[in-house]
Amino acid sequence: MNGSLPLPFEASSDAARDLRWLLDRLVDEVPGLLSVAVVSADGLPLLTTVPRPRRSRSATDPRGSTGDLATIVSGLASLTGGAATLMDGGRVRQTLVAMNAGNLLVMTISDGSLLGVYAEPDADMGLVAYHMALFVGRAGHLLTPRLRAQLRSAAHAEPPARTEPLAQRGWRS
Protein backbone atom coordinates (compact mmCIF):
# COMPACT_ATOMS: atom_id res chain seq x y z
CA MET A 1 0.00 0.00 0.00
CA ASN A 2 1.39 3.35 -0.96
CA GLY A 3 -0.28 5.50 1.67
CA SER A 4 -2.17 7.80 -0.66
CA LEU A 5 -5.59 9.11 0.17
CA PRO A 6 -8.37 7.78 -2.06
CA LEU A 7 -10.25 10.10 -4.37
CA PRO A 8 -13.50 11.62 -3.13
CA PHE A 9 -16.55 10.06 -4.80
CA GLU A 10 -17.51 13.25 -6.65
CA ALA A 11 -14.03 13.41 -8.20
CA SER A 12 -14.04 9.86 -9.54
CA SER A 13 -13.88 10.82 -13.21
CA ASP A 14 -11.36 9.10 -15.47
CA ALA A 15 -9.08 12.14 -15.30
CA ALA A 16 -9.22 12.18 -11.49
CA ARG A 17 -8.44 8.46 -11.30
CA ASP A 18 -5.60 8.91 -13.79
CA LEU A 19 -4.15 11.73 -11.72
CA ARG A 20 -4.43 9.65 -8.52
CA TRP A 21 -2.76 6.73 -10.29
CA LEU A 22 0.13 8.98 -11.36
CA LEU A 23 0.53 10.23 -7.79
CA ASP A 24 0.46 6.64 -6.48
CA ARG A 25 3.18 5.69 -8.98
CA LEU A 26 5.34 8.63 -7.88
CA VAL A 27 5.07 7.58 -4.23
CA ASP A 28 5.62 3.89 -4.99
CA GLU A 29 8.63 4.36 -7.29
CA VAL A 30 10.69 6.94 -5.44
CA PRO A 31 12.43 5.86 -2.24
CA GLY A 32 12.51 8.32 0.64
CA LEU A 33 9.33 10.27 -0.08
CA LEU A 34 7.50 11.13 3.13
CA SER A 35 4.59 13.21 1.85
CA VAL A 36 3.35 14.53 -1.51
CA ALA A 37 0.76 17.18 -2.37
CA VAL A 38 -0.75 18.56 -5.56
CA VAL A 39 -1.92 22.11 -4.91
CA SER A 40 -4.06 24.40 -7.05
CA ALA A 41 -2.85 27.83 -8.14
CA ASP A 42 -4.99 29.38 -5.41
CA GLY A 43 -3.39 27.23 -2.71
CA LEU A 44 -6.02 24.55 -2.19
CA PRO A 45 -4.91 20.92 -1.86
CA LEU A 46 -6.13 18.86 -4.82
CA LEU A 47 -4.49 15.50 -4.01
CA THR A 48 -2.28 14.45 -1.13
CA THR A 49 -0.67 11.40 0.37
CA VAL A 50 -0.75 10.21 3.95
CA PRO A 51 2.59 11.15 5.57
CA ARG A 52 4.86 8.11 5.77
CA PRO A 53 7.00 7.32 8.80
CA ARG A 54 10.71 7.93 8.36
CA ARG A 55 13.09 5.03 7.73
CA SER A 56 15.35 6.18 10.54
CA ARG A 57 14.13 5.11 13.96
CA SER A 58 15.76 8.08 15.64
CA ALA A 59 13.85 10.59 13.53
CA THR A 60 10.27 11.60 14.20
CA ASP A 61 7.40 11.19 11.78
CA PRO A 62 6.27 14.20 9.75
CA ARG A 63 4.05 16.35 11.95
CA GLY A 64 0.68 17.71 11.02
CA SER A 65 -1.88 16.78 8.46
CA THR A 66 -1.57 16.31 4.75
CA GLY A 67 -3.05 19.78 4.41
CA ASP A 68 0.01 21.20 6.16
CA LEU A 69 2.26 20.22 3.25
CA ALA A 70 -0.19 21.83 0.82
CA THR A 71 -0.16 25.02 2.91
CA ILE A 72 3.64 25.07 3.04
CA VAL A 73 3.90 24.41 -0.71
CA SER A 74 1.47 27.23 -1.47
CA GLY A 75 3.22 29.67 0.85
CA LEU A 76 6.66 28.78 -0.47
CA ALA A 77 5.48 29.23 -4.05
CA SER A 78 4.08 32.64 -3.16
CA LEU A 79 7.32 33.67 -1.47
CA THR A 80 9.58 32.50 -4.30
CA GLY A 81 7.22 33.99 -6.89
CA GLY A 82 7.45 37.34 -5.13
CA ALA A 83 11.23 37.07 -4.98
CA ALA A 84 11.39 36.24 -8.70
CA THR A 85 9.25 39.28 -9.47
CA LEU A 86 11.48 41.57 -7.40
CA MET A 87 14.58 40.18 -9.09
CA ASP A 88 13.09 40.15 -12.60
CA GLY A 89 13.86 36.42 -12.61
CA GLY A 90 10.87 35.23 -14.60
CA ARG A 91 8.65 32.33 -13.63
CA VAL A 92 9.77 30.00 -10.81
CA ARG A 93 9.97 26.43 -12.12
CA GLN A 94 11.14 24.66 -8.97
CA THR A 95 12.23 25.37 -5.41
CA LEU A 96 14.36 23.20 -3.11
CA VAL A 97 14.59 23.66 0.63
CA ALA A 98 17.27 21.42 2.16
CA MET A 99 16.89 20.94 5.93
CA ASN A 100 18.70 18.79 8.47
CA ALA A 101 15.71 16.48 8.83
CA GLY A 102 14.37 16.47 5.26
CA ASN A 103 14.09 18.10 1.85
CA LEU A 104 11.16 19.97 0.36
CA LEU A 105 10.96 20.24 -3.42
CA VAL A 106 8.22 22.18 -5.21
CA MET A 107 7.62 22.19 -8.98
CA THR A 108 5.12 24.06 -11.11
CA ILE A 109 2.77 21.71 -12.95
CA SER A 110 0.69 23.97 -15.19
CA ASP A 111 -1.47 27.06 -14.91
CA GLY A 112 0.13 27.70 -11.52
CA SER A 113 -0.73 24.33 -9.98
CA LEU A 114 2.09 22.85 -7.90
CA LEU A 115 3.58 19.52 -6.94
CA GLY A 116 5.27 19.48 -3.53
CA VAL A 117 7.32 16.63 -2.09
CA TYR A 118 8.77 16.25 1.39
CA ALA A 119 11.56 13.65 1.39
CA GLU A 120 14.05 12.02 3.76
CA PRO A 121 17.28 14.03 4.19
CA ASP A 122 19.29 11.27 2.48
CA ALA A 123 16.87 10.82 -0.43
CA ASP A 124 18.46 11.08 -3.87
CA MET A 125 17.09 14.51 -4.82
CA GLY A 126 18.18 14.04 -8.44
CA LEU A 127 15.97 10.94 -8.63
CA VAL A 128 13.16 12.73 -6.77
CA ALA A 129 13.34 15.71 -9.15
CA TYR A 130 13.43 13.40 -12.20
CA HIS A 131 10.28 11.53 -11.14
CA MET A 132 8.57 14.78 -10.19
CA ALA A 133 9.33 16.14 -13.67
CA LEU A 134 7.80 13.00 -15.19
CA PHE A 135 4.70 13.50 -13.04
CA VAL A 136 4.49 17.17 -14.04
CA GLY A 137 4.75 16.29 -17.73
CA ARG A 138 2.08 13.61 -17.50
CA ALA A 139 -0.28 15.38 -15.11
CA GLY A 140 -0.26 18.81 -16.75
CA HIS A 141 -2.87 17.97 -19.36
CA LEU A 142 -5.09 16.23 -16.79
CA LEU A 143 -5.43 19.29 -14.54
CA THR A 144 -8.16 20.97 -16.52
CA PRO A 145 -10.36 23.63 -14.91
CA ARG A 146 -13.15 21.05 -14.70
CA LEU A 147 -11.00 18.50 -12.85
CA ARG A 148 -9.64 21.13 -10.46
CA ALA A 149 -13.21 22.15 -9.68
CA GLN A 150 -14.20 18.50 -9.10
CA LEU A 151 -11.28 17.91 -6.76
CA ARG A 152 -11.97 21.11 -4.81
CA SER A 153 -15.68 20.44 -4.38
CA ALA A 154 -15.15 16.82 -3.40
CA ALA A 155 -12.72 17.46 -0.55
CA HIS A 156 -14.95 15.98 2.18
CA ALA A 157 -16.89 13.26 0.35
CA GLU A 158 -16.67 9.49 0.78
CA PRO A 159 -13.86 7.93 -1.28
CA PRO A 160 -14.21 5.01 -3.72
CA ALA A 161 -11.82 2.09 -3.96
CA ARG A 162 -8.39 2.66 -5.52
CA THR A 163 -8.18 2.10 -9.27
CA GLU A 164 -5.44 2.01 -11.85
CA PRO A 165 -7.07 3.13 -15.12
CA LEU A 166 -3.89 4.12 -16.97
CA ALA A 167 -2.32 0.74 -16.27
CA GLN A 168 -5.45 -0.96 -17.53
CA ARG A 169 -5.13 1.01 -20.75
CA GLY A 170 -1.52 -0.07 -21.24
CA TRP A 171 0.12 3.20 -20.04
CA ARG A 172 3.90 2.98 -20.21
CA SER A 173 6.32 5.19 -18.35
Foldseek 3Di string as FASTA:
>chain_A
DQQWDFAFPLLPDPLSLQLVLLVSCLSVPFPFWFKKFKADLVQHTLTIGAGDQGPDPVDGTDDDGRSVQSNVLNVVLVVVQVVCVVVVNPHDAKDWDQDPAWIWIWGQQPPRIIMIITGGNPGPVVVSVVSVVVSSVVSNVSPDVVSSVSSVVRVPHDGDDRDNVCVVVVDDD
